[in-house]
PDB file of N, CA and C in Angstrom:
ATOM      1  N   MET A   1     -78.248-111.508  16.000  1.00  0.00           N
ATOM      2  CA  MET A   1     -76.885-111.573  15.522  1.00  0.00           C
ATOM      3  C   MET A   1     -76.368-112.990  15.716  1.00  0.00           C
ATOM      4  N   ARG A   2     -75.684-113.433  14.745  1.00  0.00           N
ATOM      5  CA  ARG A   2     -75.221-114.818  14.819  1.00  0.00           C
ATOM      6  C   ARG A   2     -73.915-114.906  15.597  1.00  0.00           C
ATOM      7  N   LYS A   3     -73.783-115.987  16.316  1.00  0.00           N
ATOM      8  CA  LYS A   3     -72.597-116.188  17.141  1.00  0.00           C
ATOM      9  C   LYS A   3     -71.428-116.625  16.253  1.00  0.00           C
ATOM     10  N   LEU A   4     -70.266-116.055  16.507  1.00  0.00           N
ATOM     11  CA  LEU A   4     -69.082-116.395  15.725  1.00  0.00           C
ATOM     12  C   LEU A   4     -68.558-117.764  16.129  1.00  0.00           C
ATOM     13  N   GLN A   5     -68.162-118.513  15.130  1.00  0.00           N
ATOM     14  CA  GLN A   5     -67.587-119.826  15.374  1.00  0.00           C
ATOM     15  C   GLN A   5     -66.077-119.742  15.165  1.00  0.00           C
ATOM     16  N   PRO A   6     -65.331-120.452  15.968  1.00  0.00           N
ATOM     17  CA  PRO A   6     -63.874-120.425  15.771  1.00  0.00           C
ATOM     18  C   PRO A   6     -63.494-121.126  14.469  1.00  0.00           C
ATOM     19  N   ILE A   7     -62.480-120.604  13.834  1.00  0.00           N
ATOM     20  CA  ILE A   7     -61.974-121.213  12.606  1.00  0.00           C
ATOM     21  C   ILE A   7     -60.967-122.280  13.006  1.00  0.00           C
ATOM     22  N   THR A   8     -61.318-123.509  12.707  1.00  0.00           N
ATOM     23  CA  THR A   8     -60.472-124.616  13.141  1.00  0.00           C
ATOM     24  C   THR A   8     -59.681-125.258  12.012  1.00  0.00           C
ATOM     25  N   ASP A   9     -60.120-125.029  10.768  1.00  0.00           N
ATOM     26  CA  ASP A   9     -59.410-125.647   9.647  1.00  0.00           C
ATOM     27  C   ASP A   9     -59.502-124.750   8.415  1.00  0.00           C
ATOM     28  N   ASN A  10     -58.795-125.118   7.369  1.00  0.00           N
ATOM     29  CA  ASN A  10     -58.769-124.329   6.145  1.00  0.00           C
ATOM     30  C   ASN A  10     -60.125-124.280   5.458  1.00  0.00           C
ATOM     31  N   HIS A  11     -60.894-125.345   5.559  1.00  0.00           N
ATOM     32  CA  HIS A  11     -62.189-125.393   4.878  1.00  0.00           C
ATOM     33  C   HIS A  11     -63.133-124.312   5.418  1.00  0.00           C
ATOM     34  N   SER A  12     -63.224-124.182   6.726  1.00  0.00           N
ATOM     35  CA  SER A  12     -64.107-123.160   7.297  1.00  0.00           C
ATOM     36  C   SER A  12     -63.586-121.756   6.989  1.00  0.00           C
ATOM     37  N   ALA A  13     -62.277-121.591   6.948  1.00  0.00           N
ATOM     38  CA  ALA A  13     -61.714-120.281   6.599  1.00  0.00           C
ATOM     39  C   ALA A  13     -62.055-119.916   5.162  1.00  0.00           C
ATOM     40  N   ARG A  14     -61.984-120.886   4.257  1.00  0.00           N
ATOM     41  CA  ARG A  14     -62.312-120.622   2.855  1.00  0.00           C
ATOM     42  C   ARG A  14     -63.791-120.340   2.651  1.00  0.00           C
ATOM     43  N   GLU A  15     -64.639-120.865   3.506  1.00  0.00           N
ATOM     44  CA  GLU A  15     -66.065-120.567   3.416  1.00  0.00           C
ATOM     45  C   GLU A  15     -66.369-119.148   3.895  1.00  0.00           C
ATOM     46  N   LEU A  16     -65.663-118.674   4.902  1.00  0.00           N
ATOM     47  CA  LEU A  16     -65.935-117.357   5.475  1.00  0.00           C
ATOM     48  C   LEU A  16     -65.266-116.218   4.714  1.00  0.00           C
ATOM     49  N   LEU A  17     -64.199-116.499   4.015  1.00  0.00           N
ATOM     50  CA  LEU A  17     -63.424-115.450   3.361  1.00  0.00           C
ATOM     51  C   LEU A  17     -64.207-114.647   2.318  1.00  0.00           C
ATOM     52  N   PRO A  18     -64.969-115.261   1.407  1.00  0.00           N
ATOM     53  CA  PRO A  18     -65.704-114.448   0.422  1.00  0.00           C
ATOM     54  C   PRO A  18     -66.700-113.485   1.061  1.00  0.00           C
ATOM     55  N   ASN A  19     -67.393-113.922   2.102  1.00  0.00           N
ATOM     56  CA  ASN A  19     -68.341-113.045   2.780  1.00  0.00           C
ATOM     57  C   ASN A  19     -67.622-111.884   3.454  1.00  0.00           C
ATOM     58  N   ASP A  20     -66.478-112.155   4.072  1.00  0.00           N
ATOM     59  CA  ASP A  20     -65.708-111.088   4.707  1.00  0.00           C
ATOM     60  C   ASP A  20     -65.232-110.067   3.680  1.00  0.00           C
ATOM     61  N   ILE A  21     -64.750-110.537   2.555  1.00  0.00           N
ATOM     62  CA  ILE A  21     -64.270-109.635   1.503  1.00  0.00           C
ATOM     63  C   ILE A  21     -65.422-108.793   0.964  1.00  0.00           C
ATOM     64  N   PHE A  22     -66.584-109.419   0.786  1.00  0.00           N
ATOM     65  CA  PHE A  22     -67.752-108.679   0.314  1.00  0.00           C
ATOM     66  C   PHE A  22     -68.144-107.583   1.294  1.00  0.00           C
ATOM     67  N   GLN A  23     -68.171-107.910   2.585  1.00  0.00           N
ATOM     68  CA  GLN A  23     -68.540-106.924   3.597  1.00  0.00           C
ATOM     69  C   GLN A  23     -67.531-105.778   3.658  1.00  0.00           C
ATOM     70  N   LEU A  24     -66.260-106.095   3.515  1.00  0.00           N
ATOM     71  CA  LEU A  24     -65.241-105.038   3.481  1.00  0.00           C
ATOM     72  C   LEU A  24     -65.455-104.129   2.281  1.00  0.00           C
ATOM     73  N   GLY A  25     -65.809-104.719   1.158  1.00  0.00           N
ATOM     74  CA  GLY A  25     -66.085-103.923  -0.040  1.00  0.00           C
ATOM     75  C   GLY A  25     -67.259-102.987   0.154  1.00  0.00           C
ATOM     76  N   GLN A  26     -68.298-103.447   0.826  1.00  0.00           N
ATOM     77  CA  GLN A  26     -69.464-102.603   1.081  1.00  0.00           C
ATOM     78  C   GLN A  26     -69.105-101.439   2.005  1.00  0.00           C
ATOM     79  N   VAL A  27     -68.318-101.713   3.018  1.00  0.00           N
ATOM     80  CA  VAL A  27     -67.907-100.663   3.951  1.00  0.00           C
ATOM     81  C   VAL A  27     -67.039 -99.632   3.229  1.00  0.00           C
ATOM     82  N   LEU A  28     -66.101-100.107   2.424  1.00  0.00           N
ATOM     83  CA  LEU A  28     -65.221 -99.182   1.703  1.00  0.00           C
ATOM     84  C   LEU A  28     -65.980 -98.375   0.662  1.00  0.00           C
ATOM     85  N   LYS A  29     -66.982 -98.974   0.038  1.00  0.00           N
ATOM     86  CA  LYS A  29     -67.795 -98.248  -0.941  1.00  0.00           C
ATOM     87  C   LYS A  29     -68.484 -97.067  -0.263  1.00  0.00           C
ATOM     88  N   ARG A  30     -69.075 -97.308   0.892  1.00  0.00           N
ATOM     89  CA  ARG A  30     -69.741 -96.221   1.626  1.00  0.00           C
ATOM     90  C   ARG A  30     -68.724 -95.179   2.093  1.00  0.00           C
ATOM     91  N   LYS A  31     -67.580 -95.638   2.575  1.00  0.00           N
ATOM     92  CA  LYS A  31     -66.551 -94.717   3.058  1.00  0.00           C
ATOM     93  C   LYS A  31     -66.110 -93.767   1.947  1.00  0.00           C
ATOM     94  N   TYR A  32     -65.805 -94.318   0.779  1.00  0.00           N
ATOM     95  CA  TYR A  32     -65.292 -93.477  -0.289  1.00  0.00           C
ATOM     96  C   TYR A  32     -66.374 -92.622  -0.933  1.00  0.00           C
ATOM     97  N   THR A  33     -67.628 -93.053  -0.856  1.00  0.00           N
ATOM     98  CA  THR A  33     -68.719 -92.198  -1.321  1.00  0.00           C
ATOM     99  C   THR A  33     -68.839 -90.978  -0.417  1.00  0.00           C
ATOM    100  N   LEU A  34     -68.811 -91.198   0.892  1.00  0.00           N
ATOM    101  CA  LEU A  34     -68.886 -90.080   1.827  1.00  0.00           C
ATOM    102  C   LEU A  34     -67.658 -89.177   1.728  1.00  0.00           C
ATOM    103  N   LEU A  35     -66.496 -89.777   1.494  1.00  0.00           N
ATOM    104  CA  LEU A  35     -65.281 -88.986   1.327  1.00  0.00           C
ATOM    105  C   LEU A  35     -65.350 -88.119   0.077  1.00  0.00           C
ATOM    106  N   LYS A  36     -65.932 -88.658  -0.982  1.00  0.00           N
ATOM    107  CA  LYS A  36     -66.117 -87.890  -2.214  1.00  0.00           C
ATOM    108  C   LYS A  36     -67.023 -86.689  -1.958  1.00  0.00           C
ATOM    109  N   TYR A  37     -68.127 -86.902  -1.222  1.00  0.00           N
ATOM    110  CA  TYR A  37     -69.016 -85.790  -0.888  1.00  0.00           C
ATOM    111  C   TYR A  37     -68.291 -84.738  -0.057  1.00  0.00           C
ATOM    112  N   ALA A  38     -67.472 -85.166   0.879  1.00  0.00           N
ATOM    113  CA  ALA A  38     -66.747 -84.224   1.733  1.00  0.00           C
ATOM    114  C   ALA A  38     -65.768 -83.380   0.919  1.00  0.00           C
ATOM    115  N   TYR A  39     -65.030 -84.034   0.018  1.00  0.00           N
ATOM    116  CA  TYR A  39     -64.088 -83.281  -0.820  1.00  0.00           C
ATOM    117  C   TYR A  39     -64.805 -82.340  -1.767  1.00  0.00           C
ATOM    118  N   ASN A  40     -65.930 -82.762  -2.329  1.00  0.00           N
ATOM    119  CA  ASN A  40     -66.688 -81.874  -3.211  1.00  0.00           C
ATOM    120  C   ASN A  40     -67.226 -80.675  -2.449  1.00  0.00           C
ATOM    121  N   PHE A  41     -67.714 -80.896  -1.231  1.00  0.00           N
ATOM    122  CA  PHE A  41     -68.216 -79.810  -0.408  1.00  0.00           C
ATOM    123  C   PHE A  41     -67.090 -78.841  -0.047  1.00  0.00           C
ATOM    124  N   ALA A  42     -65.929 -79.371   0.304  1.00  0.00           N
ATOM    125  CA  ALA A  42     -64.786 -78.509   0.639  1.00  0.00           C
ATOM    126  C   ALA A  42     -64.326 -77.716  -0.579  1.00  0.00           C
ATOM    127  N   ALA A  43     -64.278 -78.366  -1.743  1.00  0.00           N
ATOM    128  CA  ALA A  43     -63.871 -77.665  -2.967  1.00  0.00           C
ATOM    129  C   ALA A  43     -64.861 -76.565  -3.320  1.00  0.00           C
ATOM    130  N   ALA A  44     -66.154 -76.824  -3.138  1.00  0.00           N
ATOM    131  CA  ALA A  44     -67.163 -75.795  -3.409  1.00  0.00           C
ATOM    132  C   ALA A  44     -66.994 -74.622  -2.447  1.00  0.00           C
ATOM    133  N   GLY A  45     -66.678 -74.895  -1.200  1.00  0.00           N
ATOM    134  CA  GLY A  45     -66.454 -73.822  -0.229  1.00  0.00           C
ATOM    135  C   GLY A  45     -65.233 -72.982  -0.559  1.00  0.00           C
ATOM    136  N   ILE A  46     -64.169 -73.641  -0.965  1.00  0.00           N
ATOM    137  CA  ILE A  46     -62.955 -72.907  -1.347  1.00  0.00           C
ATOM    138  C   ILE A  46     -63.217 -72.072  -2.591  1.00  0.00           C
ATOM    139  N   LEU A  47     -63.905 -72.655  -3.563  1.00  0.00           N
ATOM    140  CA  LEU A  47     -64.225 -71.920  -4.794  1.00  0.00           C
ATOM    141  C   LEU A  47     -65.115 -70.721  -4.498  1.00  0.00           C
ATOM    142  N   THR A  48     -66.083 -70.896  -3.630  1.00  0.00           N
ATOM    143  CA  THR A  48     -66.951 -69.782  -3.248  1.00  0.00           C
ATOM    144  C   THR A  48     -66.147 -68.685  -2.557  1.00  0.00           C
ATOM    145  N   GLY A  49     -65.238 -69.065  -1.699  1.00  0.00           N
ATOM    146  CA  GLY A  49     -64.397 -68.074  -1.026  1.00  0.00           C
ATOM    147  C   GLY A  49     -63.502 -67.318  -1.994  1.00  0.00           C
ATOM    148  N   VAL A  50     -62.900 -68.022  -2.940  1.00  0.00           N
ATOM    149  CA  VAL A  50     -62.030 -67.371  -3.925  1.00  0.00           C
ATOM    150  C   VAL A  50     -62.833 -66.413  -4.787  1.00  0.00           C
ATOM    151  N   ILE A  51     -64.003 -66.821  -5.214  1.00  0.00           N
ATOM    152  CA  ILE A  51     -64.850 -65.944  -6.039  1.00  0.00           C
ATOM    153  C   ILE A  51     -65.283 -64.728  -5.232  1.00  0.00           C
ATOM    154  N   SER A  52     -65.650 -64.933  -3.971  1.00  0.00           N
ATOM    155  CA  SER A  52     -66.066 -63.826  -3.114  1.00  0.00           C
ATOM    156  C   SER A  52     -64.933 -62.830  -2.911  1.00  0.00           C
ATOM    157  N   ILE A  53     -63.744 -63.319  -2.634  1.00  0.00           N
ATOM    158  CA  ILE A  53     -62.588 -62.430  -2.448  1.00  0.00           C
ATOM    159  C   ILE A  53     -62.258 -61.709  -3.751  1.00  0.00           C
ATOM    160  N   SER A  54     -62.371 -62.425  -4.870  1.00  0.00           N
ATOM    161  CA  SER A  54     -62.080 -61.801  -6.168  1.00  0.00           C
ATOM    162  C   SER A  54     -63.040 -60.655  -6.459  1.00  0.00           C
ATOM    163  N   PHE A  55     -64.326 -60.867  -6.228  1.00  0.00           N
ATOM    164  CA  PHE A  55     -65.302 -59.803  -6.450  1.00  0.00           C
ATOM    165  C   PHE A  55     -65.018 -58.609  -5.537  1.00  0.00           C
ATOM    166  N   ARG A  56     -64.715 -58.893  -4.289  1.00  0.00           N
ATOM    167  CA  ARG A  56     -64.442 -57.807  -3.354  1.00  0.00           C
ATOM    168  C   ARG A  56     -63.196 -57.039  -3.762  1.00  0.00           C
ATOM    169  N   PHE A  57     -62.188 -57.740  -4.228  1.00  0.00           N
ATOM    170  CA  PHE A  57     -60.926 -57.110  -4.617  1.00  0.00           C
ATOM    171  C   PHE A  57     -61.108 -56.260  -5.886  1.00  0.00           C
ATOM    172  N   PHE A  58     -61.800 -56.805  -6.873  1.00  0.00           N
ATOM    173  CA  PHE A  58     -61.924 -56.117  -8.150  1.00  0.00           C
ATOM    174  C   PHE A  58     -62.993 -55.035  -8.157  1.00  0.00           C
ATOM    175  N   LEU A  59     -63.971 -55.105  -7.280  1.00  0.00           N
ATOM    176  CA  LEU A  59     -65.037 -54.094  -7.250  1.00  0.00           C
ATOM    177  C   LEU A  59     -64.663 -52.889  -6.407  1.00  0.00           C
ATOM    178  N   ASN A  60     -63.680 -52.996  -5.565  1.00  0.00           N
ATOM    179  CA  ASN A  60     -63.268 -51.853  -4.739  1.00  0.00           C
ATOM    180  C   ASN A  60     -62.168 -51.088  -5.369  1.00  0.00           C
TER     181      ASN A  60
END
């Protein structure tokens, strides 16, 4: 792991900013992909429950 250097001037900050933004984008991409899977899984569970209750209600 590389050691962090202190930002002492605008030039070094401008060099580090694009890499930081890229890394944030990668983290957010993974976060929202996993969040999408979680919501799809929850929606499938709710749909399965509604269908199950409907069958039980209408068949009895």
